[in-house]
Amino acid sequence: MNDYKSLKVWEKGMELVEKVYHLANEIPDDEKFGLISQIKRCSVSIPSNIAEGASRNSKNEFKHFLSVANGSTAELETQLLLVERLNFANKDTVNEIMQMCSEIKKMNFSLQKSIK
């Protein structure tokens, strides 16, 4: 359907994953199988679902996967708030990633609306 690599929201999602992986290095090692694993998984889910949806056969399927990506973005935001509350990482870094999440959600909603 679409070349997902040309989608700005997909590229922004890829940048987000990089930031999250760097942030994960700041979180204590005893969270390796908990919070670290979870934030990595849901961040990777964002561009992955955008790519999968764009590669599907119908616009409705594309919209569905964009919706899943939005859910993963909200999940990541929740986990980042936990990271911040638990003082596991630099607040500026967490805030930067939260801003990226907000931007991705806006881009994603706009893309969903444009698909007719």
C-alpha atoms as a PDB file:
ATOM      1  CA  MET A   1       0.000   0.000   0.000  1.00  0.00           C
ATOM      2  CA  ASN A   2       2.510   2.619   1.172  1.00  0.00           C
ATOM      3  CA  ASP A   3       6.275   2.757   1.359  1.00  0.00           C
ATOM      4  CA  TYR A   4       6.534   2.954   5.133  1.00  0.00           C
ATOM      5  CA  LYS A   5      10.139   4.193   4.977  1.00  0.00           C
ATOM      6  CA  SER A   6       8.905   7.402   3.361  1.00  0.00           C
ATOM      7  CA  LEU A   7       6.463   8.114   6.212  1.00  0.00           C
ATOM      8  CA  LYS A   8       7.686  10.872   8.532  1.00  0.00           C
ATOM      9  CA  VAL A   9       5.867   9.297  11.483  1.00  0.00           C
ATOM     10  CA  TRP A  10       7.742   6.026  10.897  1.00  0.00           C
ATOM     11  CA  GLU A  11      11.092   7.854  10.798  1.00  0.00           C
ATOM     12  CA  LYS A  12      10.206   9.747  13.986  1.00  0.00           C
ATOM     13  CA  GLY A  13       9.318   6.410  15.573  1.00  0.00           C
ATOM     14  CA  MET A  14      12.717   5.012  14.638  1.00  0.00           C
ATOM     15  CA  GLU A  15      14.415   8.023  16.243  1.00  0.00           C
ATOM     16  CA  LEU A  16      12.296   7.456  19.351  1.00  0.00           C
ATOM     17  CA  VAL A  17      13.496   3.849  19.611  1.00  0.00           C
ATOM     18  CA  GLU A  18      17.114   5.027  19.523  1.00  0.00           C
ATOM     19  CA  LYS A  19      16.450   7.524  22.341  1.00  0.00           C
ATOM     20  CA  VAL A  20      14.647   4.898  24.433  1.00  0.00           C
ATOM     21  CA  TYR A  21      17.520   2.427  24.070  1.00  0.00           C
ATOM     22  CA  HIS A  22      19.973   5.097  25.249  1.00  0.00           C
ATOM     23  CA  LEU A  23      17.666   5.959  28.152  1.00  0.00           C
ATOM     24  CA  ALA A  24      17.490   2.274  29.109  1.00  0.00           C
ATOM     25  CA  ASN A  25      21.208   2.402  29.877  1.00  0.00           C
ATOM     26  CA  GLU A  26      20.459   4.845  32.708  1.00  0.00           C
ATOM     27  CA  ILE A  27      17.914   2.564  34.406  1.00  0.00           C
ATOM     28  CA  PRO A  28      19.260   0.265  37.144  1.00  0.00           C
ATOM     29  CA  ASP A  29      20.264  -3.209  35.972  1.00  0.00           C
ATOM     30  CA  ASP A  30      17.845  -4.913  38.347  1.00  0.00           C
ATOM     31  CA  GLU A  31      15.064  -3.569  36.077  1.00  0.00           C
ATOM     32  CA  LYS A  32      16.541  -5.443  33.092  1.00  0.00           C
ATOM     33  CA  PHE A  33      13.664  -7.935  32.891  1.00  0.00           C
ATOM     34  CA  GLY A  34      11.027  -5.459  34.042  1.00  0.00           C
ATOM     35  CA  LEU A  35      10.835  -1.836  33.052  1.00  0.00           C
ATOM     36  CA  ILE A  36      13.826  -1.835  30.696  1.00  0.00           C
ATOM     37  CA  SER A  37      12.467  -4.755  28.707  1.00  0.00           C
ATOM     38  CA  GLN A  38       8.992  -3.238  28.613  1.00  0.00           C
ATOM     39  CA  ILE A  39      10.016   0.250  27.415  1.00  0.00           C
ATOM     40  CA  LYS A  40      12.202  -1.257  24.723  1.00  0.00           C
ATOM     41  CA  ARG A  41       9.422  -3.562  23.495  1.00  0.00           C
ATOM     42  CA  CYS A  42       6.712  -0.941  23.320  1.00  0.00           C
ATOM     43  CA  SER A  43       9.021   1.634  21.699  1.00  0.00           C
ATOM     44  CA  VAL A  44       9.959  -0.860  18.980  1.00  0.00           C
ATOM     45  CA  SER A  45       6.260  -1.615  18.554  1.00  0.00           C
ATOM     46  CA  ILE A  46       5.552   1.958  17.408  1.00  0.00           C
ATOM     47  CA  PRO A  47       7.470   2.058  14.090  1.00  0.00           C
ATOM     48  CA  SER A  48       6.939  -1.694  13.626  1.00  0.00           C
ATOM     49  CA  ASN A  49       3.154  -1.357  13.642  1.00  0.00           C
ATOM     50  CA  ILE A  50       3.317   1.660  11.341  1.00  0.00           C
ATOM     51  CA  ALA A  51       5.421  -0.390   8.903  1.00  0.00           C
ATOM     52  CA  GLU A  52       3.163  -3.432   9.164  1.00  0.00           C
ATOM     53  CA  GLY A  53       0.027  -1.375   8.621  1.00  0.00           C
ATOM     54  CA  ALA A  54       1.475   0.443   5.643  1.00  0.00           C
ATOM     55  CA  SER A  55       2.322  -2.920   4.107  1.00  0.00           C
ATOM     56  CA  ARG A  56      -1.190  -4.335   4.470  1.00  0.00           C
ATOM     57  CA  ASN A  57      -3.719  -4.631   1.672  1.00  0.00           C
ATOM     58  CA  SER A  58      -6.412  -2.239   2.832  1.00  0.00           C
ATOM     59  CA  LYS A  59      -6.780   1.222   4.263  1.00  0.00           C
ATOM     60  CA  ASN A  60      -8.789  -0.139   7.181  1.00  0.00           C
ATOM     61  CA  GLU A  61      -5.959  -2.485   8.115  1.00  0.00           C
ATOM     62  CA  PHE A  62      -3.497   0.418   7.870  1.00  0.00           C
ATOM     63  CA  LYS A  63      -5.682   2.490  10.197  1.00  0.00           C
ATOM     64  CA  HIS A  64      -5.910  -0.418  12.632  1.00  0.00           C
ATOM     65  CA  PHE A  65      -2.136  -0.756  12.885  1.00  0.00           C
ATOM     66  CA  LEU A  66      -1.746   3.009  13.260  1.00  0.00           C
ATOM     67  CA  SER A  67      -4.168   2.749  16.153  1.00  0.00           C
ATOM     68  CA  VAL A  68      -2.066  -0.019  17.702  1.00  0.00           C
ATOM     69  CA  ALA A  69       1.010   2.197  17.320  1.00  0.00           C
ATOM     70  CA  ASN A  70      -0.846   4.960  19.191  1.00  0.00           C
ATOM     71  CA  GLY A  71      -1.609   2.506  21.974  1.00  0.00           C
ATOM     72  CA  SER A  72       2.058   1.585  22.209  1.00  0.00           C
ATOM     73  CA  THR A  73       2.951   5.271  22.360  1.00  0.00           C
ATOM     74  CA  ALA A  74       0.588   5.802  25.302  1.00  0.00           C
ATOM     75  CA  GLU A  75       2.018   2.698  26.975  1.00  0.00           C
ATOM     76  CA  LEU A  76       5.540   4.089  26.566  1.00  0.00           C
ATOM     77  CA  GLU A  77       4.472   7.435  28.022  1.00  0.00           C
ATOM     78  CA  THR A  78       3.113   5.659  31.100  1.00  0.00           C
ATOM     79  CA  GLN A  79       6.335   3.725  31.552  1.00  0.00           C
ATOM     80  CA  LEU A  80       8.397   6.895  31.145  1.00  0.00           C
ATOM     81  CA  LEU A  81       6.339   8.540  33.871  1.00  0.00           C
ATOM     82  CA  LEU A  82       7.244   5.596  36.099  1.00  0.00           C
ATOM     83  CA  VAL A  83      10.920   5.975  35.217  1.00  0.00           C
ATOM     84  CA  GLU A  84      10.668   9.631  36.188  1.00  0.00           C
ATOM     85  CA  ARG A  85       8.739   8.972  39.419  1.00  0.00           C
ATOM     86  CA  LEU A  86      11.248   6.337  40.476  1.00  0.00           C
ATOM     87  CA  ASN A  87      14.182   8.666  39.653  1.00  0.00           C
ATOM     88  CA  PHE A  88      15.707   6.027  37.399  1.00  0.00           C
ATOM     89  CA  ALA A  89      16.891   8.433  34.689  1.00  0.00           C
ATOM     90  CA  ASN A  90      17.648  12.046  33.871  1.00  0.00           C
ATOM     91  CA  LYS A  91      14.394  14.046  33.861  1.00  0.00           C
ATOM     92  CA  ASP A  92      15.476  16.106  30.833  1.00  0.00           C
ATOM     93  CA  THR A  93      16.005  12.946  28.805  1.00  0.00           C
ATOM     94  CA  VAL A  94      12.637  11.563  29.886  1.00  0.00           C
ATOM     95  CA  ASN A  95      10.939  14.867  28.998  1.00  0.00           C
ATOM     96  CA  GLU A  96      12.590  14.901  25.564  1.00  0.00           C
ATOM     97  CA  ILE A  97      11.263  11.415  24.841  1.00  0.00           C
ATOM     98  CA  MET A  98       7.813  12.360  26.176  1.00  0.00           C
ATOM     99  CA  GLN A  99       7.757  15.297  23.729  1.00  0.00           C
ATOM    100  CA  MET A 100       8.683  12.930  20.911  1.00  0.00           C
ATOM    101  CA  CYS A 101       5.797  10.650  21.940  1.00  0.00           C
ATOM    102  CA  SER A 102       3.395  13.573  21.846  1.00  0.00           C
ATOM    103  CA  GLU A 103       4.594  14.584  18.393  1.00  0.00           C
ATOM    104  CA  ILE A 104       4.316  11.017  17.097  1.00  0.00           C
ATOM    105  CA  LYS A 105       0.747  10.708  18.391  1.00  0.00           C
ATOM    106  CA  LYS A 106      -0.233  13.954  16.642  1.00  0.00           C
ATOM    107  CA  MET A 107       1.403  12.839  13.401  1.00  0.00           C
ATOM    108  CA  ASN A 108      -0.238   9.439  13.667  1.00  0.00           C
ATOM    109  CA  PHE A 109      -3.722  10.876  14.277  1.00  0.00           C
ATOM    110  CA  SER A 110      -3.268  13.209  11.300  1.00  0.00           C
ATOM    111  CA  LEU A 111      -2.218  10.294   9.123  1.00  0.00           C
ATOM    112  CA  GLN A 112      -5.238   8.278  10.254  1.00  0.00           C
ATOM    113  CA  LYS A 113      -7.568  11.147   9.380  1.00  0.00           C
ATOM    114  CA  SER A 114      -5.994  11.525   5.942  1.00  0.00           C
ATOM    115  CA  ILE A 115      -6.643   7.882   5.037  1.00  0.00           C
ATOM    116  CA  LYS A 116     -10.029   7.755   3.376  1.00  0.00           C
END
